[in-house]
Amino acid sequence: ASQYGSFTCSFTVDIQPAGTTTITASGVSVATNVFNIQPAVVSVMPTAGTVGTVVTIAGTGYGAGDVITIAFGTNSSIKQTDASQYGSFTCSFTVDTQLHGTCTIITSGGVNVVKSKFFIESAIYSLLPTSGTVGTSVDVCGTGYGPSELITIGFGDTANIGQVFSDNSGYFVKSFVVNLQDYGTTAVSASGNVSGTAINTFFIKPNIYAVEPTEGTIGTIVTITGSGYETMDAVTIA
């Protein structure tokens, strides 16, 4: 305290349960006042990602032992956990199938509700198979697009090898046949007309896909046809 008995100081609110909390200033004399601790989501990590991303959320300022319910977008209860004796919690959940864009996280415990945000990005989460020869049929599965959004599938040097509309949850499945392209890792893209582009990869293998004729005598002329080799590759026939 100053020579006149006054003081000013600052402190940071530490982890304590929600509600009215007493502040006591003790010297030779004692005085009290009150401070109301409110709930807060102090961390969402990460704040953006695709369907399937694991999100860890931490909060403070809830009631001691409160049952905390996490709502995520259209999912009213994606996770539940209990607050500690100090009103804090940490839990994780996996982003389920929802639409592209900003998604609201609602954290409820007792009478306390806090909102935060997570951004759902588009993704090609599955290619079946992930490698094959020219002529292979590939199933592309994606999530995180808009409802009924037109999605264009690109493959290597082919900008549009197929198109499909997503469903009401932003999910799609589309098949295409590997066309004549070079050997090696090839980009597969899924571009929405609203939500952007997601990319995955497919590996093109070499293949002898035709031998004509397949039998004959010595002196027979045989023609073989192959695909999936590198551009200008020197091919040796054995």
C-alpha atoms as a PDB file:
ATOM      1  CA  ALA A   1       0.000   0.000   0.000  1.00  0.00           C
ATOM      2  CA  SER A   2       1.106   3.605  -0.583  1.00  0.00           C
ATOM      3  CA  GLN A   3       1.764   6.134   2.200  1.00  0.00           C
ATOM      4  CA  TYR A   4      -1.929   6.928   1.909  1.00  0.00           C
ATOM      5  CA  GLY A   5      -3.001   3.278   2.237  1.00  0.00           C
ATOM      6  CA  SER A   6      -4.029   2.778  -1.387  1.00  0.00           C
ATOM      7  CA  PHE A   7      -2.856   0.147  -3.851  1.00  0.00           C
ATOM      8  CA  THR A   8      -3.371  -1.070  -7.388  1.00  0.00           C
ATOM      9  CA  CYS A   9      -2.260  -4.453  -8.717  1.00  0.00           C
ATOM     10  CA  SER A  10      -3.170  -7.000 -11.369  1.00  0.00           C
ATOM     11  CA  PHE A  11      -3.482 -10.766 -11.419  1.00  0.00           C
ATOM     12  CA  THR A  12      -4.509 -13.390 -13.948  1.00  0.00           C
ATOM     13  CA  VAL A  13      -7.582 -15.478 -13.209  1.00  0.00           C
ATOM     14  CA  ASP A  14      -6.409 -19.043 -12.629  1.00  0.00           C
ATOM     15  CA  ILE A  15      -8.354 -22.256 -13.199  1.00  0.00           C
ATOM     16  CA  GLN A  16     -11.351 -22.279 -10.873  1.00  0.00           C
ATOM     17  CA  PRO A  17     -14.990 -23.383 -11.189  1.00  0.00           C
ATOM     18  CA  ALA A  18     -17.656 -21.154 -12.722  1.00  0.00           C
ATOM     19  CA  GLY A  19     -19.582 -18.653 -10.674  1.00  0.00           C
ATOM     20  CA  THR A  20     -19.116 -15.838  -8.178  1.00  0.00           C
ATOM     21  CA  THR A  21     -15.687 -15.921  -6.567  1.00  0.00           C
ATOM     22  CA  THR A  22     -14.534 -13.864  -3.585  1.00  0.00           C
ATOM     23  CA  ILE A  23     -11.526 -11.581  -3.898  1.00  0.00           C
ATOM     24  CA  THR A  24      -9.870 -10.899  -0.538  1.00  0.00           C
ATOM     25  CA  ALA A  25      -7.258  -8.190  -0.004  1.00  0.00           C
ATOM     26  CA  SER A  26      -5.572  -8.759   3.347  1.00  0.00           C
ATOM     27  CA  GLY A  27      -3.209  -6.355   5.088  1.00  0.00           C
ATOM     28  CA  VAL A  28      -3.570  -5.247   8.678  1.00  0.00           C
ATOM     29  CA  SER A  29      -7.195  -4.969   7.649  1.00  0.00           C
ATOM     30  CA  VAL A  30      -9.215  -7.217   5.300  1.00  0.00           C
ATOM     31  CA  ALA A  31     -11.604  -6.248   2.496  1.00  0.00           C
ATOM     32  CA  THR A  32     -13.500  -8.378  -0.006  1.00  0.00           C
ATOM     33  CA  ASN A  33     -15.158  -7.991  -3.367  1.00  0.00           C
ATOM     34  CA  VAL A  34     -16.445 -10.422  -5.980  1.00  0.00           C
ATOM     35  CA  PHE A  35     -15.551 -11.616  -9.467  1.00  0.00           C
ATOM     36  CA  ASN A  36     -17.732 -13.807 -11.697  1.00  0.00           C
ATOM     37  CA  ILE A  37     -15.831 -16.607 -13.482  1.00  0.00           C
ATOM     38  CA  GLN A  38     -17.360 -17.376 -16.876  1.00  0.00           C
ATOM     39  CA  PRO A  39     -16.834 -20.449 -19.057  1.00  0.00           C
ATOM     40  CA  ALA A  40     -14.496 -20.337 -22.046  1.00  0.00           C
ATOM     41  CA  VAL A  41     -13.132 -22.619 -24.731  1.00  0.00           C
ATOM     42  CA  VAL A  42      -9.437 -21.820 -24.451  1.00  0.00           C
ATOM     43  CA  SER A  43      -8.176 -24.057 -27.237  1.00  0.00           C
ATOM     44  CA  VAL A  44      -9.386 -25.809 -30.407  1.00  0.00           C
ATOM     45  CA  MET A  45      -6.563 -27.667 -32.179  1.00  0.00           C
ATOM     46  CA  PRO A  46      -6.506 -27.745 -35.101  1.00  0.00           C
ATOM     47  CA  THR A  47      -9.026 -25.102 -36.175  1.00  0.00           C
ATOM     48  CA  ALA A  48      -9.405 -26.504 -39.700  1.00  0.00           C
ATOM     49  CA  GLY A  49      -9.206 -29.895 -41.358  1.00  0.00           C
ATOM     50  CA  THR A  50     -10.978 -32.570 -43.335  1.00  0.00           C
ATOM     51  CA  VAL A  51     -13.579 -35.125 -42.312  1.00  0.00           C
ATOM     52  CA  GLY A  52     -11.730 -37.641 -40.135  1.00  0.00           C
ATOM     53  CA  THR A  53      -9.516 -35.022 -38.459  1.00  0.00           C
ATOM     54  CA  VAL A  54      -9.063 -35.501 -34.698  1.00  0.00           C
ATOM     55  CA  VAL A  55      -9.847 -32.234 -32.877  1.00  0.00           C
ATOM     56  CA  THR A  56      -8.777 -31.559 -29.278  1.00  0.00           C
ATOM     57  CA  ILE A  57     -10.799 -28.971 -27.381  1.00  0.00           C
ATOM     58  CA  ALA A  58     -10.023 -27.529 -23.930  1.00  0.00           C
ATOM     59  CA  GLY A  59     -12.210 -25.374 -21.728  1.00  0.00           C
ATOM     60  CA  THR A  60     -12.253 -23.705 -18.327  1.00  0.00           C
ATOM     61  CA  GLY A  61     -14.735 -21.917 -16.083  1.00  0.00           C
ATOM     62  CA  TYR A  62     -17.353 -24.650 -15.902  1.00  0.00           C
ATOM     63  CA  GLY A  63     -18.887 -26.050 -12.741  1.00  0.00           C
ATOM     64  CA  ALA A  64     -16.920 -28.605 -10.763  1.00  0.00           C
ATOM     65  CA  GLY A  65     -17.808 -32.034 -12.159  1.00  0.00           C
ATOM     66  CA  ASP A  66     -20.145 -30.635 -14.832  1.00  0.00           C
ATOM     67  CA  VAL A  67     -21.038 -33.027 -17.656  1.00  0.00           C
ATOM     68  CA  ILE A  68     -19.728 -31.288 -20.768  1.00  0.00           C
ATOM     69  CA  THR A  69     -21.520 -32.011 -24.065  1.00  0.00           C
ATOM     70  CA  ILE A  70     -19.779 -31.097 -27.322  1.00  0.00           C
ATOM     71  CA  ALA A  71     -22.037 -30.338 -30.300  1.00  0.00           C
ATOM     72  CA  PHE A  72     -20.398 -30.122 -33.713  1.00  0.00           C
ATOM     73  CA  GLY A  73     -22.328 -28.685 -36.641  1.00  0.00           C
ATOM     74  CA  THR A  74     -25.337 -30.922 -37.252  1.00  0.00           C
ATOM     75  CA  ASN A  75     -24.218 -33.434 -34.616  1.00  0.00           C
ATOM     76  CA  SER A  76     -25.809 -32.384 -31.300  1.00  0.00           C
ATOM     77  CA  SER A  77     -23.572 -34.654 -29.205  1.00  0.00           C
ATOM     78  CA  ILE A  78     -20.323 -35.692 -30.870  1.00  0.00           C
ATOM     79  CA  LYS A  79     -18.566 -36.085 -27.482  1.00  0.00           C
ATOM     80  CA  GLN A  80     -19.228 -35.935 -23.718  1.00  0.00           C
ATOM     81  CA  THR A  81     -16.755 -35.535 -20.878  1.00  0.00           C
ATOM     82  CA  ASP A  82     -16.652 -34.428 -17.234  1.00  0.00           C
ATOM     83  CA  ALA A  83     -15.177 -31.188 -15.947  1.00  0.00           C
ATOM     84  CA  SER A  84     -12.547 -31.458 -13.219  1.00  0.00           C
ATOM     85  CA  GLN A  85     -13.037 -30.205  -9.660  1.00  0.00           C
ATOM     86  CA  TYR A  86     -11.679 -26.890 -10.933  1.00  0.00           C
ATOM     87  CA  GLY A  87     -14.170 -26.664 -13.828  1.00  0.00           C
ATOM     88  CA  SER A  88     -11.670 -27.437 -16.593  1.00  0.00           C
ATOM     89  CA  PHE A  89     -11.786 -30.144 -19.263  1.00  0.00           C
ATOM     90  CA  THR A  90      -9.899 -31.486 -22.291  1.00  0.00           C
ATOM     91  CA  CYS A  91     -11.311 -33.966 -24.797  1.00  0.00           C
ATOM     92  CA  SER A  92     -10.970 -35.030 -28.421  1.00  0.00           C
ATOM     93  CA  PHE A  93     -13.440 -35.927 -31.151  1.00  0.00           C
ATOM     94  CA  THR A  94     -13.264 -36.971 -34.795  1.00  0.00           C
ATOM     95  CA  VAL A  95     -14.802 -34.718 -37.439  1.00  0.00           C
ATOM     96  CA  ASP A  96     -17.751 -36.594 -38.930  1.00  0.00           C
ATOM     97  CA  THR A  97     -19.241 -36.235 -42.414  1.00  0.00           C
ATOM     98  CA  GLN A  98     -20.479 -32.667 -42.758  1.00  0.00           C
ATOM     99  CA  LEU A  99     -20.590 -29.874 -45.303  1.00  0.00           C
ATOM    100  CA  HIS A 100     -17.670 -27.731 -46.414  1.00  0.00           C
ATOM    101  CA  GLY A 101     -17.108 -24.469 -44.560  1.00  0.00           C
ATOM    102  CA  THR A 102     -17.218 -23.003 -41.065  1.00  0.00           C
ATOM    103  CA  CYS A 103     -18.760 -25.355 -38.522  1.00  0.00           C
ATOM    104  CA  THR A 104     -19.921 -24.257 -35.059  1.00  0.00           C
ATOM    105  CA  ILE A 105     -18.710 -26.081 -31.955  1.00  0.00           C
ATOM    106  CA  ILE A 106     -21.074 -25.654 -28.987  1.00  0.00           C
ATOM    107  CA  THR A 107     -19.714 -26.629 -25.577  1.00  0.00           C
ATOM    108  CA  SER A 108     -22.437 -27.031 -22.949  1.00  0.00           C
ATOM    109  CA  GLY A 109     -22.063 -27.759 -19.243  1.00  0.00           C
ATOM    110  CA  GLY A 110     -24.709 -27.045 -16.625  1.00  0.00           C
ATOM    111  CA  VAL A 111     -26.204 -23.675 -17.591  1.00  0.00           C
ATOM    112  CA  ASN A 112     -23.005 -22.597 -19.341  1.00  0.00           C
ATOM    113  CA  VAL A 113     -22.716 -22.576 -23.143  1.00  0.00           C
ATOM    114  CA  VAL A 114     -19.727 -21.455 -25.241  1.00  0.00           C
ATOM    115  CA  LYS A 115     -19.394 -21.380 -29.036  1.00  0.00           C
ATOM    116  CA  SER A 116     -16.254 -21.767 -31.144  1.00  0.00           C
ATOM    117  CA  LYS A 117     -15.465 -22.514 -34.784  1.00  0.00           C
ATOM    118  CA  PHE A 118     -13.853 -25.179 -36.981  1.00  0.00           C
ATOM    119  CA  PHE A 119     -13.409 -25.017 -40.758  1.00  0.00           C
ATOM    120  CA  ILE A 120     -14.158 -28.207 -42.709  1.00  0.00           C
ATOM    121  CA  GLU A 121     -11.974 -28.617 -45.790  1.00  0.00           C
ATOM    122  CA  SER A 122     -12.639 -30.746 -48.851  1.00  0.00           C
ATOM    123  CA  ALA A 123     -10.796 -34.050 -49.183  1.00  0.00           C
ATOM    124  CA  ILE A 124     -10.404 -37.108 -51.369  1.00  0.00           C
ATOM    125  CA  TYR A 125     -10.233 -39.592 -48.514  1.00  0.00           C
ATOM    126  CA  SER A 126     -10.230 -42.796 -50.552  1.00  0.00           C
ATOM    127  CA  LEU A 127      -8.987 -44.106 -53.896  1.00  0.00           C
ATOM    128  CA  LEU A 128      -9.689 -47.757 -54.692  1.00  0.00           C
ATOM    129  CA  PRO A 129      -7.293 -48.987 -55.941  1.00  0.00           C
ATOM    130  CA  THR A 130      -4.409 -46.571 -55.439  1.00  0.00           C
ATOM    131  CA  SER A 131      -2.366 -48.011 -58.299  1.00  0.00           C
ATOM    132  CA  GLY A 132      -2.917 -49.906 -61.520  1.00  0.00           C
ATOM    133  CA  THR A 133      -2.444 -49.974 -65.272  1.00  0.00           C
ATOM    134  CA  VAL A 134      -4.141 -48.011 -68.036  1.00  0.00           C
ATOM    135  CA  GLY A 135      -7.724 -49.306 -68.204  1.00  0.00           C
ATOM    136  CA  THR A 136      -8.067 -49.784 -64.435  1.00  0.00           C
ATOM    137  CA  SER A 137     -11.384 -48.625 -62.949  1.00  0.00           C
ATOM    138  CA  VAL A 138     -10.832 -46.315 -59.949  1.00  0.00           C
ATOM    139  CA  ASP A 139     -13.405 -45.323 -57.311  1.00  0.00           C
ATOM    140  CA  VAL A 140     -12.897 -41.805 -55.888  1.00  0.00           C
ATOM    141  CA  CYS A 141     -14.572 -40.952 -52.560  1.00  0.00           C
ATOM    142  CA  GLY A 142     -14.659 -37.411 -51.181  1.00  0.00           C
ATOM    143  CA  THR A 143     -16.116 -35.423 -48.302  1.00  0.00           C
ATOM    144  CA  GLY A 144     -16.315 -31.825 -47.139  1.00  0.00           C
ATOM    145  CA  TYR A 145     -18.061 -30.417 -50.201  1.00  0.00           C
ATOM    146  CA  GLY A 146     -21.240 -28.379 -50.394  1.00  0.00           C
ATOM    147  CA  PRO A 147     -24.734 -29.905 -50.707  1.00  0.00           C
ATOM    148  CA  SER A 148     -25.503 -31.041 -54.270  1.00  0.00           C
ATOM    149  CA  GLU A 149     -22.283 -29.419 -55.477  1.00  0.00           C
ATOM    150  CA  LEU A 150     -20.986 -30.200 -58.963  1.00  0.00           C
ATOM    151  CA  ILE A 151     -17.558 -31.835 -58.641  1.00  0.00           C
ATOM    152  CA  THR A 152     -15.162 -32.315 -61.540  1.00  0.00           C
ATOM    153  CA  ILE A 153     -12.614 -35.131 -61.354  1.00  0.00           C
ATOM    154  CA  GLY A 154      -9.231 -34.434 -62.904  1.00  0.00           C
ATOM    155  CA  PHE A 155      -6.623 -37.091 -63.620  1.00  0.00           C
ATOM    156  CA  GLY A 156      -3.076 -36.189 -64.615  1.00  0.00           C
ATOM    157  CA  ASP A 157      -3.188 -34.267 -67.889  1.00  0.00           C
ATOM    158  CA  THR A 158      -6.947 -34.818 -68.240  1.00  0.00           C
ATOM    159  CA  ALA A 159      -8.751 -31.885 -66.614  1.00  0.00           C
ATOM    160  CA  ASN A 160     -12.167 -33.541 -66.702  1.00  0.00           C
ATOM    161  CA  ILE A 161     -12.276 -37.325 -66.626  1.00  0.00           C
ATOM    162  CA  GLY A 162     -15.704 -37.325 -64.948  1.00  0.00           C
ATOM    163  CA  GLN A 163     -18.248 -35.257 -63.017  1.00  0.00           C
ATOM    164  CA  VAL A 164     -20.546 -35.994 -60.098  1.00  0.00           C
ATOM    165  CA  PHE A 165     -22.850 -34.181 -57.652  1.00  0.00           C
ATOM    166  CA  SER A 166     -22.241 -34.454 -53.905  1.00  0.00           C
ATOM    167  CA  ASP A 167     -25.092 -35.511 -51.628  1.00  0.00           C
ATOM    168  CA  ASN A 168     -26.725 -33.343 -48.956  1.00  0.00           C
ATOM    169  CA  SER A 169     -23.896 -34.080 -46.513  1.00  0.00           C
ATOM    170  CA  GLY A 170     -21.133 -33.088 -48.956  1.00  0.00           C
ATOM    171  CA  TYR A 171     -20.101 -36.677 -49.762  1.00  0.00           C
ATOM    172  CA  PHE A 172     -19.534 -38.176 -53.217  1.00  0.00           C
ATOM    173  CA  VAL A 173     -18.356 -41.338 -54.964  1.00  0.00           C
ATOM    174  CA  LYS A 174     -17.281 -41.362 -58.608  1.00  0.00           C
ATOM    175  CA  SER A 175     -15.606 -43.972 -60.810  1.00  0.00           C
ATOM    176  CA  PHE A 176     -13.309 -43.349 -63.765  1.00  0.00           C
ATOM    177  CA  VAL A 177     -11.127 -45.477 -66.029  1.00  0.00           C
ATOM    178  CA  VAL A 178      -7.396 -44.734 -66.163  1.00  0.00           C
ATOM    179  CA  ASN A 179      -6.725 -43.338 -69.611  1.00  0.00           C
ATOM    180  CA  LEU A 180      -3.513 -43.367 -71.634  1.00  0.00           C
ATOM    181  CA  GLN A 181      -0.916 -41.502 -69.549  1.00  0.00           C
ATOM    182  CA  ASP A 182       2.725 -41.811 -68.477  1.00  0.00           C
ATOM    183  CA  TYR A 183       4.135 -44.200 -65.920  1.00  0.00           C
ATOM    184  CA  GLY A 184       4.377 -43.015 -62.308  1.00  0.00           C
ATOM    185  CA  THR A 185       2.574 -40.991 -59.682  1.00  0.00           C
ATOM    186  CA  THR A 186      -0.374 -39.098 -61.140  1.00  0.00           C
ATOM    187  CA  ALA A 187      -2.540 -36.465 -59.425  1.00  0.00           C
ATOM    188  CA  VAL A 188      -6.244 -37.080 -58.914  1.00  0.00           C
ATOM    189  CA  SER A 189      -8.193 -33.889 -58.201  1.00  0.00           C
ATOM    190  CA  ALA A 190     -11.783 -33.256 -57.132  1.00  0.00           C
ATOM    191  CA  SER A 191     -12.806 -29.646 -57.777  1.00  0.00           C
ATOM    192  CA  GLY A 192     -16.100 -28.270 -56.520  1.00  0.00           C
ATOM    193  CA  ASN A 193     -17.619 -25.199 -58.127  1.00  0.00           C
ATOM    194  CA  VAL A 194     -17.943 -23.673 -54.629  1.00  0.00           C
ATOM    195  CA  SER A 195     -15.714 -25.428 -52.110  1.00  0.00           C
ATOM    196  CA  GLY A 196     -12.366 -25.690 -53.900  1.00  0.00           C
ATOM    197  CA  THR A 197     -10.094 -28.568 -54.865  1.00  0.00           C
ATOM    198  CA  ALA A 198      -8.814 -31.661 -53.044  1.00  0.00           C
ATOM    199  CA  ILE A 199      -5.948 -33.791 -54.370  1.00  0.00           C
ATOM    200  CA  ASN A 200      -4.788 -37.380 -53.977  1.00  0.00           C
ATOM    201  CA  THR A 201      -2.451 -39.579 -56.037  1.00  0.00           C
ATOM    202  CA  PHE A 202      -2.639 -42.718 -58.182  1.00  0.00           C
ATOM    203  CA  PHE A 203       0.338 -44.732 -59.421  1.00  0.00           C
ATOM    204  CA  ILE A 204       0.245 -45.820 -63.069  1.00  0.00           C
ATOM    205  CA  LYS A 205       2.014 -49.109 -63.749  1.00  0.00           C
ATOM    206  CA  PRO A 206       3.303 -50.373 -67.105  1.00  0.00           C
ATOM    207  CA  ASN A 207       1.355 -53.086 -68.867  1.00  0.00           C
ATOM    208  CA  ILE A 208       1.479 -55.247 -71.996  1.00  0.00           C
ATOM    209  CA  TYR A 209      -2.216 -55.262 -72.799  1.00  0.00           C
ATOM    210  CA  ALA A 210      -2.229 -56.938 -76.202  1.00  0.00           C
ATOM    211  CA  VAL A 211      -0.306 -59.793 -77.860  1.00  0.00           C
ATOM    212  CA  GLU A 212      -1.456 -60.722 -81.392  1.00  0.00           C
ATOM    213  CA  PRO A 213      -1.411 -63.563 -82.115  1.00  0.00           C
ATOM    214  CA  THR A 214      -0.904 -65.361 -78.808  1.00  0.00           C
ATOM    215  CA  GLU A 215       0.393 -68.526 -80.478  1.00  0.00           C
ATOM    216  CA  GLY A 216       2.069 -69.607 -83.680  1.00  0.00           C
ATOM    217  CA  THR A 217       5.023 -71.285 -85.294  1.00  0.00           C
ATOM    218  CA  ILE A 218       8.618 -70.155 -85.587  1.00  0.00           C
ATOM    219  CA  GLY A 219       8.635 -67.309 -88.075  1.00  0.00           C
ATOM    220  CA  THR A 220       5.298 -65.893 -86.892  1.00  0.00           C
ATOM    221  CA  ILE A 221       5.234 -62.100 -86.637  1.00  0.00           C
ATOM    222  CA  VAL A 222       3.903 -61.063 -83.201  1.00  0.00           C
ATOM    223  CA  THR A 223       2.651 -57.566 -82.419  1.00  0.00           C
ATOM    224  CA  ILE A 224       2.620 -56.440 -78.796  1.00  0.00           C
ATOM    225  CA  THR A 225       1.076 -53.248 -77.438  1.00  0.00           C
ATOM    226  CA  GLY A 226       1.872 -51.651 -74.100  1.00  0.00           C
ATOM    227  CA  SER A 227       0.976 -48.613 -72.025  1.00  0.00           C
ATOM    228  CA  GLY A 228       1.999 -46.926 -68.789  1.00  0.00           C
ATOM    229  CA  TYR A 229       5.631 -46.342 -69.772  1.00  0.00           C
ATOM    230  CA  GLU A 230       7.531 -43.086 -69.497  1.00  0.00           C
ATOM    231  CA  THR A 231       7.506 -40.621 -72.392  1.00  0.00           C
ATOM    232  CA  MET A 232      10.162 -41.564 -74.989  1.00  0.00           C
ATOM    233  CA  ASP A 233      11.254 -44.532 -72.857  1.00  0.00           C
ATOM    234  CA  ALA A 234      13.486 -46.974 -74.740  1.00  0.00           C
ATOM    235  CA  VAL A 235      11.539 -50.232 -74.426  1.00  0.00           C
ATOM    236  CA  THR A 236      13.452 -53.496 -74.861  1.00  0.00           C
ATOM    237  CA  ILE A 237      11.458 -56.595 -75.784  1.00  0.00           C
ATOM    238  CA  ALA A 238      12.696 -59.936 -74.467  1.00  0.00           C
END
